Amino acid sequence: MALWSLKDHSFLIIDDFAEIRTVLHGMLIPLGASDVAHARNGEAAIAALRAGIFDAAFSAGADDASEPASEAAFAPSWGPTPTK
């Protein structure tokens, strides 16, 4: 019997490569995760964050700090991202 489970938690996986999203999703399933959403870019990630509540989000990060996914980490209300 597992000491803990991810079954009551929701996750967002953000990556532009479908293969990476699939691998991360596959790693969460054996741990009990069933509520796993995917976003292929920063714009989709922000839309998902505005539409739902996630316990955790996974991203490899962006090479360009202007990428919306990078800015999403600094916008706790998931409202408009800060302007520079």
PDB file of N, CA and C in Angstrom:
ATOM      1  N   MET A   1       0.841  -1.180   0.000  1.00  0.00           N
ATOM      2  CA  MET A   1       0.000   0.000   0.000  1.00  0.00           C
ATOM      3  C   MET A   1       0.883   1.238   0.000  1.00  0.00           C
ATOM      4  N   ALA A   2       0.545   2.195  -0.857  1.00  0.00           N
ATOM      5  CA  ALA A   2       1.324   3.423  -0.969  1.00  0.00           C
ATOM      6  C   ALA A   2       1.106   4.316   0.252  1.00  0.00           C
ATOM      7  N   LEU A   3       2.151   4.976   0.673  1.00  0.00           N
ATOM      8  CA  LEU A   3       2.045   5.894   1.801  1.00  0.00           C
ATOM      9  C   LEU A   3       1.365   7.195   1.402  1.00  0.00           C
ATOM     10  N   TRP A   4       1.426   7.520   0.118  1.00  0.00           N
ATOM     11  CA  TRP A   4       0.787   8.741  -0.376  1.00  0.00           C
ATOM     12  C   TRP A   4       0.367   8.529  -1.819  1.00  0.00           C
ATOM     13  N   SER A   5      -0.506   9.396  -2.261  1.00  0.00           N
ATOM     14  CA  SER A   5      -1.035   9.270  -3.617  1.00  0.00           C
ATOM     15  C   SER A   5      -1.265  10.661  -4.198  1.00  0.00           C
ATOM     16  N   LEU A   6      -1.213  10.760  -5.499  1.00  0.00           N
ATOM     17  CA  LEU A   6      -1.474  12.017  -6.193  1.00  0.00           C
ATOM     18  C   LEU A   6      -2.902  12.071  -6.727  1.00  0.00           C
ATOM     19  N   LYS A   7      -3.753  11.136  -6.328  1.00  0.00           N
ATOM     20  CA  LYS A   7      -5.073  11.006  -6.937  1.00  0.00           C
ATOM     21  C   LYS A   7      -5.975  12.215  -6.719  1.00  0.00           C
ATOM     22  N   ASP A   8      -5.815  12.951  -5.669  1.00  0.00           N
ATOM     23  CA  ASP A   8      -6.673  14.112  -5.401  1.00  0.00           C
ATOM     24  C   ASP A   8      -6.028  15.428  -5.803  1.00  0.00           C
ATOM     25  N   HIS A   9      -5.017  15.354  -6.638  1.00  0.00           N
ATOM     26  CA  HIS A   9      -4.303  16.558  -7.056  1.00  0.00           C
ATOM     27  C   HIS A   9      -4.384  16.734  -8.566  1.00  0.00           C
ATOM     28  N   SER A  10      -4.292  17.989  -8.992  1.00  0.00           N
ATOM     29  CA  SER A  10      -4.339  18.272 -10.430  1.00  0.00           C
ATOM     30  C   SER A  10      -3.004  18.860 -10.873  1.00  0.00           C
ATOM     31  N   PHE A  11      -2.628  18.538 -12.101  1.00  0.00           N
ATOM     32  CA  PHE A  11      -1.318  18.918 -12.622  1.00  0.00           C
ATOM     33  C   PHE A  11      -1.442  19.511 -14.020  1.00  0.00           C
ATOM     34  N   LEU A  12      -0.552  20.446 -14.302  1.00  0.00           N
ATOM     35  CA  LEU A  12      -0.441  21.014 -15.637  1.00  0.00           C
ATOM     36  C   LEU A  12       0.982  20.771 -16.121  1.00  0.00           C
ATOM     37  N   ILE A  13       1.114  20.149 -17.280  1.00  0.00           N
ATOM     38  CA  ILE A  13       2.424  19.898 -17.881  1.00  0.00           C
ATOM     39  C   ILE A  13       2.575  20.846 -19.059  1.00  0.00           C
ATOM     40  N   ILE A  14       3.628  21.662 -19.022  1.00  0.00           N
ATOM     41  CA  ILE A  14       3.863  22.668 -20.060  1.00  0.00           C
ATOM     42  C   ILE A  14       5.163  22.336 -20.782  1.00  0.00           C
ATOM     43  N   ASP A  15       5.052  22.022 -22.053  1.00  0.00           N
ATOM     44  CA  ASP A  15       6.242  21.792 -22.862  1.00  0.00           C
ATOM     45  C   ASP A  15       5.835  21.814 -24.326  1.00  0.00           C
ATOM     46  N   ASP A  16       6.714  22.336 -25.176  1.00  0.00           N
ATOM     47  CA  ASP A  16       6.376  22.399 -26.595  1.00  0.00           C
ATOM     48  C   ASP A  16       6.560  21.066 -27.298  1.00  0.00           C
ATOM     49  N   PHE A  17       7.230  20.123 -26.679  1.00  0.00           N
ATOM     50  CA  PHE A  17       7.422  18.798 -27.275  1.00  0.00           C
ATOM     51  C   PHE A  17       6.406  17.812 -26.701  1.00  0.00           C
ATOM     52  N   ALA A  18       5.573  17.259 -27.593  1.00  0.00           N
ATOM     53  CA  ALA A  18       4.547  16.305 -27.166  1.00  0.00           C
ATOM     54  C   ALA A  18       5.166  15.101 -26.467  1.00  0.00           C
ATOM     55  N   GLU A  19       6.347  14.687 -26.921  1.00  0.00           N
ATOM     56  CA  GLU A  19       7.003  13.527 -26.319  1.00  0.00           C
ATOM     57  C   GLU A  19       7.335  13.777 -24.853  1.00  0.00           C
ATOM     58  N   ILE A  20       7.804  14.973 -24.542  1.00  0.00           N
ATOM     59  CA  ILE A  20       8.131  15.312 -23.152  1.00  0.00           C
ATOM     60  C   ILE A  20       6.859  15.328 -22.311  1.00  0.00           C
ATOM     61  N   ARG A  21       5.795  15.941 -22.844  1.00  0.00           N
ATOM     62  CA  ARG A  21       4.526  15.960 -22.113  1.00  0.00           C
ATOM     63  C   ARG A  21       4.035  14.541 -21.848  1.00  0.00           C
ATOM     64  N   THR A  22       4.186  13.666 -22.826  1.00  0.00           N
ATOM     65  CA  THR A  22       3.745  12.281 -22.682  1.00  0.00           C
ATOM     66  C   THR A  22       4.568  11.541 -21.623  1.00  0.00           C
ATOM     67  N   VAL A  23       5.872  11.741 -21.625  1.00  0.00           N
ATOM     68  CA  VAL A  23       6.736  11.081 -20.635  1.00  0.00           C
ATOM     69  C   VAL A  23       6.394  11.553 -19.227  1.00  0.00           C
ATOM     70  N   LEU A  24       6.250  12.864 -19.037  1.00  0.00           N
ATOM     71  CA  LEU A  24       5.908  13.381 -17.709  1.00  0.00           C
ATOM     72  C   LEU A  24       4.545  12.876 -17.260  1.00  0.00           C
ATOM     73  N   HIS A  25       3.587  12.862 -18.165  1.00  0.00           N
ATOM     74  CA  HIS A  25       2.260  12.337 -17.851  1.00  0.00           C
ATOM     75  C   HIS A  25       2.371  10.875 -17.417  1.00  0.00           C
ATOM     76  N   GLY A  26       3.147  10.104 -18.165  1.00  0.00           N
ATOM     77  CA  GLY A  26       3.345   8.692 -17.839  1.00  0.00           C
ATOM     78  C   GLY A  26       4.008   8.476 -16.488  1.00  0.00           C
ATOM     79  N   MET A  27       4.826   9.414 -16.050  1.00  0.00           N
ATOM     80  CA  MET A  27       5.468   9.298 -14.735  1.00  0.00           C
ATOM     81  C   MET A  27       4.485   9.592 -13.607  1.00  0.00           C
ATOM     82  N   LEU A  28       3.483  10.420 -13.878  1.00  0.00           N
ATOM     83  CA  LEU A  28       2.509  10.775 -12.844  1.00  0.00           C
ATOM     84  C   LEU A  28       1.439   9.696 -12.642  1.00  0.00           C
ATOM     85  N   ILE A  29       1.090   8.980 -13.692  1.00  0.00           N
ATOM     86  CA  ILE A  29       0.006   7.988 -13.625  1.00  0.00           C
ATOM     87  C   ILE A  29       0.264   6.899 -12.575  1.00  0.00           C
ATOM     88  N   PRO A  30       1.450   6.281 -12.525  1.00  0.00           N
ATOM     89  CA  PRO A  30       1.672   5.246 -11.502  1.00  0.00           C
ATOM     90  C   PRO A  30       1.607   5.780 -10.070  1.00  0.00           C
ATOM     91  N   LEU A  31       1.727   7.094  -9.925  1.00  0.00           N
ATOM     92  CA  LEU A  31       1.656   7.702  -8.593  1.00  0.00           C
ATOM     93  C   LEU A  31       0.224   8.065  -8.222  1.00  0.00           C
ATOM     94  N   GLY A  32      -0.711   7.721  -9.093  1.00  0.00           N
ATOM     95  CA  GLY A  32      -2.120   7.926  -8.790  1.00  0.00           C
ATOM     96  C   GLY A  32      -2.746   9.152  -9.433  1.00  0.00           C
ATOM     97  N   ALA A  33      -1.987   9.937 -10.156  1.00  0.00           N
ATOM     98  CA  ALA A  33      -2.536  11.148 -10.778  1.00  0.00           C
ATOM     99  C   ALA A  33      -3.524  10.770 -11.871  1.00  0.00           C
ATOM    100  N   SER A  34      -4.662  11.431 -11.865  1.00  0.00           N
ATOM    101  CA  SER A  34      -5.635  11.204 -12.931  1.00  0.00           C
ATOM    102  C   SER A  34      -6.069  12.517 -13.568  1.00  0.00           C
ATOM    103  N   ASP A  35      -5.835  13.626 -12.891  1.00  0.00           N
ATOM    104  CA  ASP A  35      -6.206  14.950 -13.394  1.00  0.00           C
ATOM    105  C   ASP A  35      -4.947  15.650 -13.898  1.00  0.00           C
ATOM    106  N   VAL A  36      -4.579  15.377 -15.147  1.00  0.00           N
ATOM    107  CA  VAL A  36      -3.356  15.918 -15.731  1.00  0.00           C
ATOM    108  C   VAL A  36      -3.712  16.630 -17.031  1.00  0.00           C
ATOM    109  N   ALA A  37      -3.434  17.925 -17.090  1.00  0.00           N
ATOM    110  CA  ALA A  37      -3.687  18.711 -18.300  1.00  0.00           C
ATOM    111  C   ALA A  37      -2.359  19.033 -18.966  1.00  0.00           C
ATOM    112  N   HIS A  38      -2.413  19.298 -20.254  1.00  0.00           N
ATOM    113  CA  HIS A  38      -1.206  19.615 -21.023  1.00  0.00           C
ATOM    114  C   HIS A  38      -1.346  20.981 -21.675  1.00  0.00           C
ATOM    115  N   ALA A  39      -0.225  21.684 -21.804  1.00  0.00           N
ATOM    116  CA  ALA A  39      -0.162  22.937 -22.556  1.00  0.00           C
ATOM    117  C   ALA A  39       1.093  22.896 -23.405  1.00  0.00           C
ATOM    118  N   ARG A  40       0.966  23.251 -24.677  1.00  0.00           N
ATOM    119  CA  ARG A  40       2.108  23.139 -25.592  1.00  0.00           C
ATOM    120  C   ARG A  40       2.963  24.391 -25.658  1.00  0.00           C
ATOM    121  N   ASN A  41       2.499  25.488 -25.056  1.00  0.00           N
ATOM    122  CA  ASN A  41       3.302  26.712 -25.045  1.00  0.00           C
ATOM    123  C   ASN A  41       2.829  27.615 -23.909  1.00  0.00           C
ATOM    124  N   GLY A  42       3.512  28.734 -23.756  1.00  0.00           N
ATOM    125  CA  GLY A  42       3.186  29.647 -22.667  1.00  0.00           C
ATOM    126  C   GLY A  42       1.793  30.217 -22.756  1.00  0.00           C
ATOM    127  N   GLU A  43       1.371  30.546 -23.963  1.00  0.00           N
ATOM    128  CA  GLU A  43       0.028  31.092 -24.149  1.00  0.00           C
ATOM    129  C   GLU A  43      -1.036  30.091 -23.703  1.00  0.00           C
ATOM    130  N   ALA A  44      -0.871  28.842 -24.111  1.00  0.00           N
ATOM    131  CA  ALA A  44      -1.820  27.792 -23.714  1.00  0.00           C
ATOM    132  C   ALA A  44      -1.757  27.545 -22.204  1.00  0.00           C
ATOM    133  N   ALA A  45      -0.571  27.663 -21.628  1.00  0.00           N
ATOM    134  CA  ALA A  45      -0.411  27.466 -20.180  1.00  0.00           C
ATOM    135  C   ALA A  45      -1.166  28.536 -19.411  1.00  0.00           C
ATOM    136  N   ILE A  46      -1.032  29.783 -19.830  1.00  0.00           N
ATOM    137  CA  ILE A  46      -1.729  30.864 -19.144  1.00  0.00           C
ATOM    138  C   ILE A  46      -3.234  30.688 -19.279  1.00  0.00           C
ATOM    139  N   ALA A  47      -3.701  30.292 -20.459  1.00  0.00           N
ATOM    140  CA  ALA A  47      -5.135  30.047 -20.646  1.00  0.00           C
ATOM    141  C   ALA A  47      -5.616  28.930 -19.717  1.00  0.00           C
ATOM    142  N   ALA A  48      -4.832  27.861 -19.595  1.00  0.00           N
ATOM    143  CA  ALA A  48      -5.199  26.747 -18.717  1.00  0.00           C
ATOM    144  C   ALA A  48      -5.203  27.185 -17.260  1.00  0.00           C
ATOM    145  N   LEU A  49      -4.224  27.978 -16.874  1.00  0.00           N
ATOM    146  CA  LEU A  49      -4.146  28.448 -15.490  1.00  0.00           C
ATOM    147  C   LEU A  49      -5.307  29.377 -15.155  1.00  0.00           C
ATOM    148  N   ARG A  50      -5.734  30.166 -16.127  1.00  0.00           N
ATOM    149  CA  ARG A  50      -6.890  31.040 -15.905  1.00  0.00           C
ATOM    150  C   ARG A  50      -8.185  30.232 -15.811  1.00  0.00           C
ATOM    151  N   ALA A  51      -8.251  29.119 -16.540  1.00  0.00           N
ATOM    152  CA  ALA A  51      -9.475  28.327 -16.606  1.00  0.00           C
ATOM    153  C   ALA A  51      -9.616  27.326 -15.466  1.00  0.00           C
ATOM    154  N   GLY A  52      -8.516  26.926 -14.850  1.00  0.00           N
ATOM    155  CA  GLY A  52      -8.587  25.884 -13.831  1.00  0.00           C
ATOM    156  C   GLY A  52      -7.613  26.113 -12.709  1.00  0.00           C
ATOM    157  N   ILE A  53      -7.740  25.272 -11.714  1.00  0.00           N
ATOM    158  CA  ILE A  53      -6.850  25.331 -10.555  1.00  0.00           C
ATOM    159  C   ILE A  53      -5.990  24.084 -10.569  1.00  0.00           C
ATOM    160  N   PHE A  54      -4.686  24.275 -10.468  1.00  0.00           N
ATOM    161  CA  PHE A  54      -3.741  23.165 -10.479  1.00  0.00           C
ATOM    162  C   PHE A  54      -2.934  23.177  -9.193  1.00  0.00           C
ATOM    163  N   ASP A  55      -2.658  21.992  -8.692  1.00  0.00           N
ATOM    164  CA  ASP A  55      -1.818  21.880  -7.508  1.00  0.00           C
ATOM    165  C   ASP A  55      -0.350  22.066  -7.852  1.00  0.00           C
ATOM    166  N   ALA A  56       0.017  21.703  -9.081  1.00  0.00           N
ATOM    167  CA  ALA A  56       1.409  21.837  -9.512  1.00  0.00           C
ATOM    168  C   ALA A  56       1.456  21.970 -11.024  1.00  0.00           C
ATOM    169  N   ALA A  57       2.457  22.688 -11.487  1.00  0.00           N
ATOM    170  CA  ALA A  57       2.696  22.812 -12.925  1.00  0.00           C
ATOM    171  C   ALA A  57       4.149  22.437 -13.183  1.00  0.00           C
ATOM    172  N   PHE A  58       4.375  21.678 -14.242  1.00  0.00           N
ATOM    173  CA  PHE A  58       5.716  21.246 -14.612  1.00  0.00           C
ATOM    174  C   PHE A  58       6.083  21.863 -15.948  1.00  0.00           C
ATOM    175  N   SER A  59       7.276  22.460 -16.001  1.00  0.00           N
ATOM    176  CA  SER A  59       7.754  23.049 -17.248  1.00  0.00           C
ATOM    177  C   SER A  59       9.266  22.959 -17.282  1.00  0.00           C
ATOM    178  N   ALA A  60       9.798  22.705 -18.468  1.00  0.00           N
ATOM    179  CA  ALA A  60      11.251  22.693 -18.628  1.00  0.00           C
ATOM    180  C   ALA A  60      11.788  24.112 -18.628  1.00  0.00           C
ATOM    181  N   GLY A  61      10.900  25.082 -18.703  1.00  0.00           N
ATOM    182  CA  GLY A  61      11.307  26.482 -18.711  1.00  0.00           C
ATOM    183  C   GLY A  61      11.496  26.979 -20.122  1.00  0.00           C
ATOM    184  N   ALA A  62      11.745  28.252 -20.217  1.00  0.00           N
ATOM    185  CA  ALA A  62      11.902  28.887 -21.523  1.00  0.00           C
ATOM    186  C   ALA A  62      13.312  29.443 -21.658  1.00  0.00           C
ATOM    187  N   ASP A  63      13.846  29.348 -22.859  1.00  0.00           N
ATOM    188  CA  ASP A  63      15.155  29.939 -23.120  1.00  0.00           C
ATOM    189  C   ASP A  63      15.064  31.456 -23.161  1.00  0.00           C
ATOM    190  N   ASP A  64      13.879  31.947 -23.498  1.00  0.00           N
ATOM    191  CA  ASP A  64      13.650  33.376 -23.645  1.00  0.00           C
ATOM    192  C   ASP A  64      12.772  33.839 -22.489  1.00  0.00           C
ATOM    193  N   ALA A  65      13.264  34.725 -21.655  1.00  0.00           N
ATOM    194  CA  ALA A  65      12.519  35.173 -20.477  1.00  0.00           C
ATOM    195  C   ALA A  65      11.234  35.896 -20.843  1.00  0.00           C
ATOM    196  N   SER A  66      11.080  36.293 -22.095  1.00  0.00           N
ATOM    197  CA  SER A  66       9.844  36.968 -22.481  1.00  0.00           C
ATOM    198  C   SER A  66       8.738  35.970 -22.804  1.00  0.00           C
ATOM    199  N   GLU A  67       9.062  34.680 -22.815  1.00  0.00           N
ATOM    200  CA  GLU A  67       8.064  33.641 -23.075  1.00  0.00           C
ATOM    201  C   GLU A  67       6.977  33.725 -22.009  1.00  0.00           C
ATOM    202  N   PRO A  68       5.698  33.700 -22.409  1.00  0.00           N
ATOM    203  CA  PRO A  68       4.606  33.792 -21.436  1.00  0.00           C
ATOM    204  C   PRO A  68       4.665  32.771 -20.312  1.00  0.00           C
ATOM    205  N   ALA A  69       5.195  31.570 -20.563  1.00  0.00           N
ATOM    206  CA  ALA A  69       5.271  30.563 -19.495  1.00  0.00           C
ATOM    207  C   ALA A  69       6.170  31.046 -18.371  1.00  0.00           C
ATOM    208  N   SER A  70       7.241  31.748 -18.693  1.00  0.00           N
ATOM    209  CA  SER A  70       8.134  32.279 -17.670  1.00  0.00           C
ATOM    210  C   SER A  70       7.422  33.340 -16.849  1.00  0.00           C
ATOM    211  N   GLU A  71       6.671  34.190 -17.532  1.00  0.00           N
ATOM    212  CA  GLU A  71       5.961  35.256 -16.843  1.00  0.00           C
ATOM    213  C   GLU A  71       4.827  34.716 -15.996  1.00  0.00           C
ATOM    214  N   ALA A  72       4.242  33.582 -16.390  1.00  0.00           N
ATOM    215  CA  ALA A  72       3.120  33.008 -15.644  1.00  0.00           C
ATOM    216  C   ALA A  72       3.524  32.687 -14.217  1.00  0.00           C
ATOM    217  N   ALA A  73       4.763  32.313 -14.009  1.00  0.00           N
ATOM    218  CA  ALA A  73       5.242  31.968 -12.670  1.00  0.00           C
ATOM    219  C   ALA A  73       5.206  33.164 -11.732  1.00  0.00           C
ATOM    220  N   PHE A  74       5.203  34.371 -12.287  1.00  0.00           N
ATOM    221  CA  PHE A  74       5.229  35.578 -11.468  1.00  0.00           C
ATOM    222  C   PHE A  74       3.882  36.269 -11.423  1.00  0.00           C
ATOM    223  N   ALA A  75       2.835  35.624 -11.891  1.00  0.00           N
ATOM    224  CA  ALA A  75       1.497  36.207 -11.898  1.00  0.00           C
ATOM    225  C   ALA A  75       0.549  35.319 -11.106  1.00  0.00           C
ATOM    226  N   PRO A  76       0.606  35.369  -9.758  1.00  0.00           N
ATOM    227  CA  PRO A  76      -0.178  34.449  -8.954  1.00  0.00           C
ATOM    228  C   PRO A  76      -1.677  34.540  -9.191  1.00  0.00           C
ATOM    229  N   SER A  77      -2.163  35.676  -9.634  1.00  0.00           N
ATOM    230  CA  SER A  77      -3.598  35.793  -9.890  1.00  0.00           C
ATOM    231  C   SER A  77      -3.951  35.237 -11.256  1.00  0.00           C
ATOM    232  N   TRP A  78      -2.952  34.914 -12.056  1.00  0.00           N
ATOM    233  CA  TRP A  78      -3.108  34.439 -13.423  1.00  0.00           C
ATOM    234  C   TRP A  78      -3.846  35.448 -14.274  1.00  0.00           C
ATOM    235  N   GLY A  79      -3.779  36.690 -13.827  1.00  0.00           N
ATOM    236  CA  GLY A  79      -4.346  37.788 -14.608  1.00  0.00           C
ATOM    237  C   GLY A  79      -3.320  38.205 -15.638  1.00  0.00           C
ATOM    238  N   PRO A  80      -3.418  39.424 -16.117  1.00  0.00           N
ATOM    239  CA  PRO A  80      -2.465  39.886 -17.138  1.00  0.00           C
ATOM    240  C   PRO A  80      -1.031  39.771 -16.623  1.00  0.00           C
ATOM    241  N   THR A  81      -0.140  39.363 -17.497  1.00  0.00           N
ATOM    242  CA  THR A  81       1.248  39.232 -17.097  1.00  0.00           C
ATOM    243  C   THR A  81       1.885  40.597 -16.978  1.00  0.00           C
ATOM    244  N   PRO A  82       2.892  40.750 -16.134  1.00  0.00           N
ATOM    245  CA  PRO A  82       3.517  42.052 -15.935  1.00  0.00           C
ATOM    246  C   PRO A  82       4.145  42.572 -17.226  1.00  0.00           C
ATOM    247  N   THR A  83       4.102  43.862 -17.391  1.00  0.00           N
ATOM    248  CA  THR A  83       4.759  44.467 -18.546  1.00  0.00           C
ATOM    249  C   THR A  83       6.161  44.870 -18.150  1.00  0.00           C
ATOM    250  N   LYS A  84       7.029  44.925 -19.139  1.00  0.00           N
ATOM    251  CA  LYS A  84       8.426  45.240 -18.854  1.00  0.00           C
ATOM    252  C   LYS A  84       8.716  46.670 -19.201  1.00  0.00           C
TER     253      LYS A  84
END
